[in-house]
């Protein structure tokens, strides 16, 4: 009788008691070497340590369709804790507005967001515009006369430009490029009058790019000399958020273990230093707060799509 009870107890033991029992994959929907990939590899390194001896966390790059392939791979994976993925906001949900997508806001378990890289408003160092007020006044006075460079349509740059135009009751001529590097080159070459890009994309060009404002609720420690748009009377916030998610429906205990481990990663001073050295503005948000943030970003993407569809 005791033996039967013991066997029964063992058979009811949760399968996740020894989690992880095999390697965990972090799917990155972009090529190796980019900002999201670098973040994923840094998180993976420290996550292994926090999960304990024998844990293995590997990064799997699945680039294509602006990240859609990677996001879909995670959404459709088994919710067993062994497939995680990087998650970029608002890009992940912008992709669901202009094309069929195999996921939505409820397709994920939101574990932790690590990076909040605010958009900036920029001009070249030789530009006639010395302040955001001057730039916005010109765009308001002569509708469409100010050309505004973007990394692409349907992402944080595009959304930032739309929100700025609405806040100032102005009109830009938007000029999208295939990536931030090309947009920055066009700005420096005088092919566009102004633009917007993430703060981290400006830090190596301080002598060439004049940052007029940061689209955040507070000034950045990376550029404390630059005012926020809010300080200057334009109530606009937009950024590139980068975090870690899992498929929806994951067991609560596995979810809790992963969130606790990622929280410990974030608290590690060595991790914080590594992220700072990479130029990553940190803004840790986990669990329900991260899910709420995702829903808000989905709403922003939907509102802009409804008003100004980009395809």
Protein backbone atom coordinates (compact mmCIF):
# COMPACT_ATOMS: atom_id res chain seq x y z
CA UNK A 1 0.00 0.00 0.00
CA UNK A 2 2.79 2.44 0.91
CA UNK A 3 4.66 1.52 -2.27
CA UNK A 4 1.53 2.21 -4.33
CA UNK A 5 1.12 5.61 -2.71
CA UNK A 6 4.77 6.44 -3.31
CA UNK A 7 4.52 5.50 -6.98
CA UNK A 8 1.30 7.51 -7.27
CA UNK A 9 2.96 10.56 -5.69
CA UNK A 10 5.88 10.31 -8.07
CA UNK A 11 3.58 10.01 -11.08
CA UNK A 12 1.81 13.21 -10.02
CA UNK A 13 5.04 15.18 -9.58
CA UNK A 14 5.13 18.12 -11.97
CA UNK A 15 7.15 17.57 -15.14
CA UNK A 16 8.79 20.95 -14.66
CA UNK A 17 10.30 20.11 -11.26
CA UNK A 18 13.77 19.85 -12.80
CA UNK A 19 13.32 22.68 -15.28
CA UNK A 20 15.35 23.23 -17.36
CA UNK A 21 16.28 19.70 -18.37
CA UNK A 22 17.41 20.61 -21.88
CA UNK A 23 18.68 23.74 -23.69
CA UNK A 24 16.45 26.79 -23.85
CA UNK A 25 16.32 28.64 -27.17
CA UNK A 26 15.87 32.39 -27.49
CA UNK A 27 14.56 33.07 -31.00
CA UNK A 28 15.72 36.37 -32.51
CA UNK A 29 13.77 37.56 -35.55
CA UNK A 30 16.73 39.52 -36.89
CA UNK A 31 20.23 38.82 -38.16
CA UNK A 32 23.19 38.30 -35.86
CA UNK A 33 25.05 41.40 -34.78
CA UNK A 34 22.14 43.84 -34.50
CA UNK A 35 20.95 45.51 -31.33
CA UNK A 36 18.27 42.92 -30.56
CA UNK A 37 20.67 40.03 -31.18
CA UNK A 38 23.33 41.55 -28.94
CA UNK A 39 20.77 42.03 -26.17
CA UNK A 40 19.60 38.42 -26.52
CA UNK A 41 23.13 37.03 -26.29
CA UNK A 42 23.89 39.15 -23.25
CA UNK A 43 20.68 38.05 -21.51
CA UNK A 44 21.36 34.40 -22.44
CA UNK A 45 24.82 34.51 -20.87
CA UNK A 46 23.52 35.72 -17.51
CA UNK A 47 20.27 33.71 -17.61
CA UNK A 48 22.28 30.48 -17.72
CA UNK A 49 23.94 31.44 -14.46
CA UNK A 50 20.67 32.34 -12.76
CA UNK A 51 18.92 29.11 -13.79
CA UNK A 52 21.66 27.08 -12.14
CA UNK A 53 24.33 24.55 -12.91
CA UNK A 54 23.86 22.72 -16.19
CA UNK A 55 21.44 25.24 -17.70
CA UNK A 56 22.05 26.06 -21.35
CA UNK A 57 20.53 29.04 -23.16
CA UNK A 58 21.23 29.43 -26.86
CA UNK A 59 20.27 32.11 -29.37
CA UNK A 60 18.62 31.10 -32.65
CA UNK A 61 18.47 33.76 -35.38
CA UNK A 62 15.45 33.55 -37.70
CA UNK A 63 15.59 36.81 -39.69
CA UNK A 64 13.02 37.84 -42.27
CA UNK A 65 9.86 39.87 -42.89
CA UNK A 66 10.89 42.57 -40.43
CA UNK A 67 10.94 40.13 -37.51
CA UNK A 68 7.59 38.49 -38.35
CA UNK A 69 9.15 35.05 -38.88
CA UNK A 70 10.75 35.02 -35.45
CA UNK A 71 7.72 36.40 -33.61
CA UNK A 72 5.50 33.79 -35.28
CA UNK A 73 7.91 30.98 -34.41
CA UNK A 74 7.67 31.84 -30.72
CA UNK A 75 3.88 32.32 -30.74
CA UNK A 76 3.36 28.86 -32.25
CA UNK A 77 5.92 26.98 -30.15
CA UNK A 78 5.01 24.61 -27.33
CA UNK A 79 4.52 26.62 -24.10
CA UNK A 80 6.98 24.47 -22.17
CA UNK A 81 9.59 27.12 -21.35
CA UNK A 82 12.14 25.85 -23.83
CA UNK A 83 11.32 28.33 -26.59
CA UNK A 84 11.61 31.99 -25.71
CA UNK A 85 11.96 34.94 -28.05
CA UNK A 86 13.05 38.52 -28.25
CA UNK A 87 10.18 40.95 -28.62
CA UNK A 88 10.36 44.39 -30.19
CA UNK A 89 7.70 47.01 -29.61
CA UNK A 90 5.99 48.64 -31.38
CA UNK A 91 7.43 46.77 -34.40
CA UNK A 92 5.97 43.36 -33.49
CA UNK A 93 2.40 44.65 -33.53
CA UNK A 94 2.89 47.10 -36.39
CA UNK A 95 3.59 44.04 -38.52
CA UNK A 96 0.15 42.63 -37.68
CA UNK A 97 -1.64 45.69 -39.09
CA UNK A 98 -0.34 45.73 -42.65
CA UNK A 99 -0.24 41.98 -43.42
CA UNK A 100 -1.66 38.64 -42.24
CA UNK A 101 0.13 37.51 -39.07
CA UNK A 102 0.04 34.30 -37.08
CA UNK A 103 0.00 36.05 -33.72
CA UNK A 104 -1.57 38.90 -31.79
CA UNK A 105 -1.30 40.60 -28.42
CA UNK A 106 -2.65 37.52 -26.59
CA UNK A 107 -0.25 35.06 -28.25
CA UNK A 108 2.57 35.51 -25.74
CA UNK A 109 3.56 35.14 -22.11
CA UNK A 110 5.28 38.42 -21.32
CA UNK A 111 8.38 37.72 -19.25
CA UNK A 112 10.57 40.82 -19.08
CA UNK A 113 11.43 43.93 -21.07
CA UNK A 114 15.01 45.14 -20.69
CA UNK A 115 15.57 48.03 -23.12
CA UNK A 116 13.65 51.24 -23.71
CA UNK A 117 15.59 53.08 -26.41
CA UNK A 118 13.79 56.41 -26.91
CA UNK A 119 13.38 58.02 -30.28
CA UNK A 120 15.05 61.33 -30.89
CA UNK A 121 14.48 64.21 -33.29
CA UNK A 122 17.71 64.89 -35.17
CA UNK A 123 19.25 67.16 -37.76
CA UNK A 124 22.78 67.32 -39.11
CA UNK A 125 25.30 69.37 -37.17
CA UNK A 126 25.31 71.94 -40.01
CA UNK A 127 21.51 72.32 -40.10
CA UNK A 128 19.82 75.70 -39.93
CA UNK A 129 17.55 74.28 -37.22
CA UNK A 130 19.00 74.85 -33.77
CA UNK A 131 15.97 73.70 -31.75
CA UNK A 132 12.90 71.51 -31.95
CA UNK A 133 10.70 74.61 -31.79
CA UNK A 134 12.35 76.02 -34.94
CA UNK A 135 11.95 72.75 -36.81
CA UNK A 136 8.30 72.29 -35.87
CA UNK A 137 7.48 75.91 -36.70
CA UNK A 138 8.92 75.44 -40.19
CA UNK A 139 6.93 72.22 -40.69
CA UNK A 140 3.77 73.98 -39.55
CA UNK A 141 4.26 77.12 -41.62
CA UNK A 142 5.11 75.30 -44.85
CA UNK A 143 3.22 72.00 -44.92
CA UNK A 144 5.35 69.27 -46.45
CA UNK A 145 8.42 71.47 -46.93
CA UNK A 146 10.43 69.72 -44.22
CA UNK A 147 11.65 66.28 -45.30
CA UNK A 148 11.84 63.78 -42.46
CA UNK A 149 13.97 60.63 -42.70
CA UNK A 150 12.87 57.30 -41.19
CA UNK A 151 14.43 53.85 -40.93
CA UNK A 152 11.20 52.37 -42.31
CA UNK A 153 7.44 52.67 -42.37
CA UNK A 154 5.36 50.93 -39.72
CA UNK A 155 7.76 51.13 -36.78
CA UNK A 156 8.81 53.39 -33.93
CA UNK A 157 10.40 55.96 -36.30
CA UNK A 158 7.26 56.21 -38.40
CA UNK A 159 5.02 56.40 -35.36
CA UNK A 160 7.22 59.08 -33.77
CA UNK A 161 7.00 61.25 -36.89
CA UNK A 162 3.20 60.93 -37.02
CA UNK A 163 2.81 61.73 -33.34
CA UNK A 164 5.10 64.76 -33.60
CA UNK A 165 3.18 66.10 -36.58
CA UNK A 166 -0.10 65.71 -34.71
CA UNK A 167 1.28 67.36 -31.56
CA UNK A 168 2.48 70.40 -33.51
CA UNK A 169 -0.34 70.45 -36.06
CA UNK A 170 2.41 70.31 -38.65
CA UNK A 171 3.10 68.24 -41.76
CA UNK A 172 6.35 66.54 -42.77
CA UNK A 173 7.22 64.84 -46.02
CA UNK A 174 8.21 61.41 -44.74
CA UNK A 175 11.14 59.71 -46.47
CA UNK A 176 11.49 56.03 -45.45
CA UNK A 177 14.73 54.09 -45.94
CA UNK A 178 15.73 50.45 -45.57
CA UNK A 179 17.22 50.75 -42.13
CA UNK A 180 18.51 53.33 -39.67
CA UNK A 181 22.02 53.42 -41.18
CA UNK A 182 20.73 54.57 -44.57
CA UNK A 183 18.43 57.14 -42.95
CA UNK A 184 21.37 58.51 -40.96
CA UNK A 185 23.56 58.68 -44.08
CA UNK A 186 20.86 60.64 -45.90
CA UNK A 187 20.59 63.05 -42.98
CA UNK A 188 24.35 63.63 -42.85
CA UNK A 189 24.46 64.08 -46.63
CA UNK A 190 21.78 66.76 -46.55
CA UNK A 191 19.27 64.65 -48.49
CA UNK A 192 16.65 65.08 -45.75
CA UNK A 193 16.24 68.07 -43.47
CA UNK A 194 15.57 66.14 -40.27
CA UNK A 195 14.69 62.72 -38.98
CA UNK A 196 14.03 60.48 -36.03
CA UNK A 197 16.02 57.51 -34.78
CA UNK A 198 16.63 55.69 -31.52
CA UNK A 199 18.99 57.41 -29.11
CA UNK A 200 21.48 54.52 -29.27
CA UNK A 201 21.79 55.14 -33.02
CA UNK A 202 23.07 58.67 -32.40
CA UNK A 203 25.68 58.08 -29.70
CA UNK A 204 28.59 57.41 -32.05
CA UNK A 205 27.82 60.49 -34.15
CA UNK A 206 27.81 63.28 -31.57
CA UNK A 207 29.96 65.54 -33.75
CA UNK A 208 27.83 64.97 -36.84
CA UNK A 209 24.27 64.85 -35.55
CA UNK A 210 22.45 67.49 -33.53
CA UNK A 211 19.86 65.87 -31.25
CA UNK A 212 17.05 68.37 -30.74
CA UNK A 213 14.88 66.32 -28.38
CA UNK A 214 14.36 62.92 -26.80
CA UNK A 215 10.86 61.44 -27.06
CA UNK A 216 10.76 60.15 -23.49
CA UNK A 217 9.16 61.09 -20.19
CA UNK A 218 12.54 62.13 -18.80
CA UNK A 219 15.99 63.03 -20.01
CA UNK A 220 18.35 60.19 -20.82
CA UNK A 221 21.44 59.49 -18.75
CA UNK A 222 23.22 58.91 -22.07
CA UNK A 223 22.42 62.50 -23.21
CA UNK A 224 21.38 64.54 -20.15
CA UNK A 225 21.99 67.76 -22.07
CA UNK A 226 19.15 67.03 -24.51
CA UNK A 227 15.63 68.11 -23.49
CA UNK A 228 12.57 65.93 -23.85
CA UNK A 229 9.91 66.89 -26.37
CA UNK A 230 7.53 67.26 -23.42
CA UNK A 231 9.76 69.91 -21.88
CA UNK A 232 9.44 71.85 -25.12
CA UNK A 233 5.66 71.62 -25.26
CA UNK A 234 5.17 68.54 -27.47
CA UNK A 235 3.54 65.69 -25.53
CA UNK A 236 5.09 62.81 -27.47
CA UNK A 237 6.73 59.61 -26.25
CA UNK A 238 8.01 56.85 -28.54
CA UNK A 239 10.79 54.34 -28.24
CA UNK A 240 12.08 50.96 -29.31
CA UNK A 241 11.37 48.40 -26.60
CA UNK A 242 13.27 45.09 -26.48
CA UNK A 243 12.39 42.23 -24.18
CA UNK A 244 11.86 38.50 -23.79
CA UNK A 245 8.58 36.62 -24.25
CA UNK A 246 7.37 33.01 -24.41
CA UNK A 247 4.32 31.39 -26.00
CA UNK A 248 0.96 31.98 -24.34
CA UNK A 249 -0.36 29.28 -22.04
CA UNK A 250 2.87 28.51 -20.22
CA UNK A 251 2.59 26.87 -16.80
CA UNK A 252 2.56 29.37 -13.94
CA UNK A 253 5.50 27.75 -12.13
CA UNK A 254 7.74 27.75 -15.20
CA UNK A 255 6.68 31.32 -15.93
CA UNK A 256 7.51 32.32 -12.37
CA UNK A 257 10.90 30.63 -12.46
CA UNK A 258 11.85 32.36 -15.72
CA UNK A 259 10.61 35.76 -14.54
CA UNK A 260 12.51 35.40 -11.26
CA UNK A 261 15.67 34.44 -13.15
CA UNK A 262 15.33 37.37 -15.57
CA UNK A 263 14.72 39.71 -12.65
CA UNK A 264 17.96 38.45 -11.09
CA UNK A 265 19.74 38.97 -14.43
CA UNK A 266 18.59 42.57 -14.47
CA UNK A 267 19.82 43.11 -10.90
CA UNK A 268 23.29 41.79 -11.69
CA UNK A 269 25.77 44.72 -11.74
CA UNK A 270 27.89 42.98 -14.38
CA UNK A 271 24.87 42.66 -16.65
CA UNK A 272 23.96 46.30 -16.08
CA UNK A 273 27.50 47.35 -17.03
CA UNK A 274 27.50 45.15 -20.14
CA UNK A 275 24.25 46.70 -21.33
CA UNK A 276 25.50 50.23 -20.63
CA UNK A 277 28.71 49.53 -22.54
CA UNK A 278 26.55 48.51 -25.50
CA UNK A 279 24.67 51.81 -25.30
CA UNK A 280 21.39 50.13 -24.30
CA UNK A 281 19.08 52.39 -22.23
CA UNK A 282 17.66 50.07 -19.59
CA UNK A 283 14.03 50.05 -18.46
CA UNK A 284 13.16 46.76 -16.77
CA UNK A 285 9.48 45.82 -16.75
CA UNK A 286 8.26 42.30 -16.03
CA UNK A 287 5.09 40.22 -15.90
CA UNK A 288 1.73 41.96 -15.94
CA UNK A 289 3.33 45.38 -16.32
CA UNK A 290 5.10 44.18 -19.47
CA UNK A 291 1.83 42.72 -20.79
CA UNK A 292 0.06 46.04 -20.14
CA UNK A 293 2.84 47.86 -21.98
CA UNK A 294 2.45 45.51 -24.95
CA UNK A 295 -1.30 46.12 -25.12
CA UNK A 296 -0.72 49.87 -25.02
CA UNK A 297 1.78 49.63 -27.88
CA UNK A 298 -0.66 47.50 -29.89
CA UNK A 299 -3.24 50.24 -29.42
CA UNK A 300 -0.80 52.90 -30.63
CA UNK A 301 -0.01 50.85 -33.74
CA UNK A 302 -3.70 50.29 -34.47
CA UNK A 303 -4.59 53.97 -34.04
CA UNK A 304 -1.86 55.11 -36.42
CA UNK A 305 -2.77 52.41 -38.94
CA UNK A 306 -6.44 53.49 -38.82
CA UNK A 307 -5.51 57.13 -39.41
CA UNK A 308 -2.50 56.81 -41.72
CA UNK A 309 -2.16 53.29 -43.15
CA UNK A 310 1.37 52.85 -44.44
CA UNK A 311 0.64 50.18 -47.07
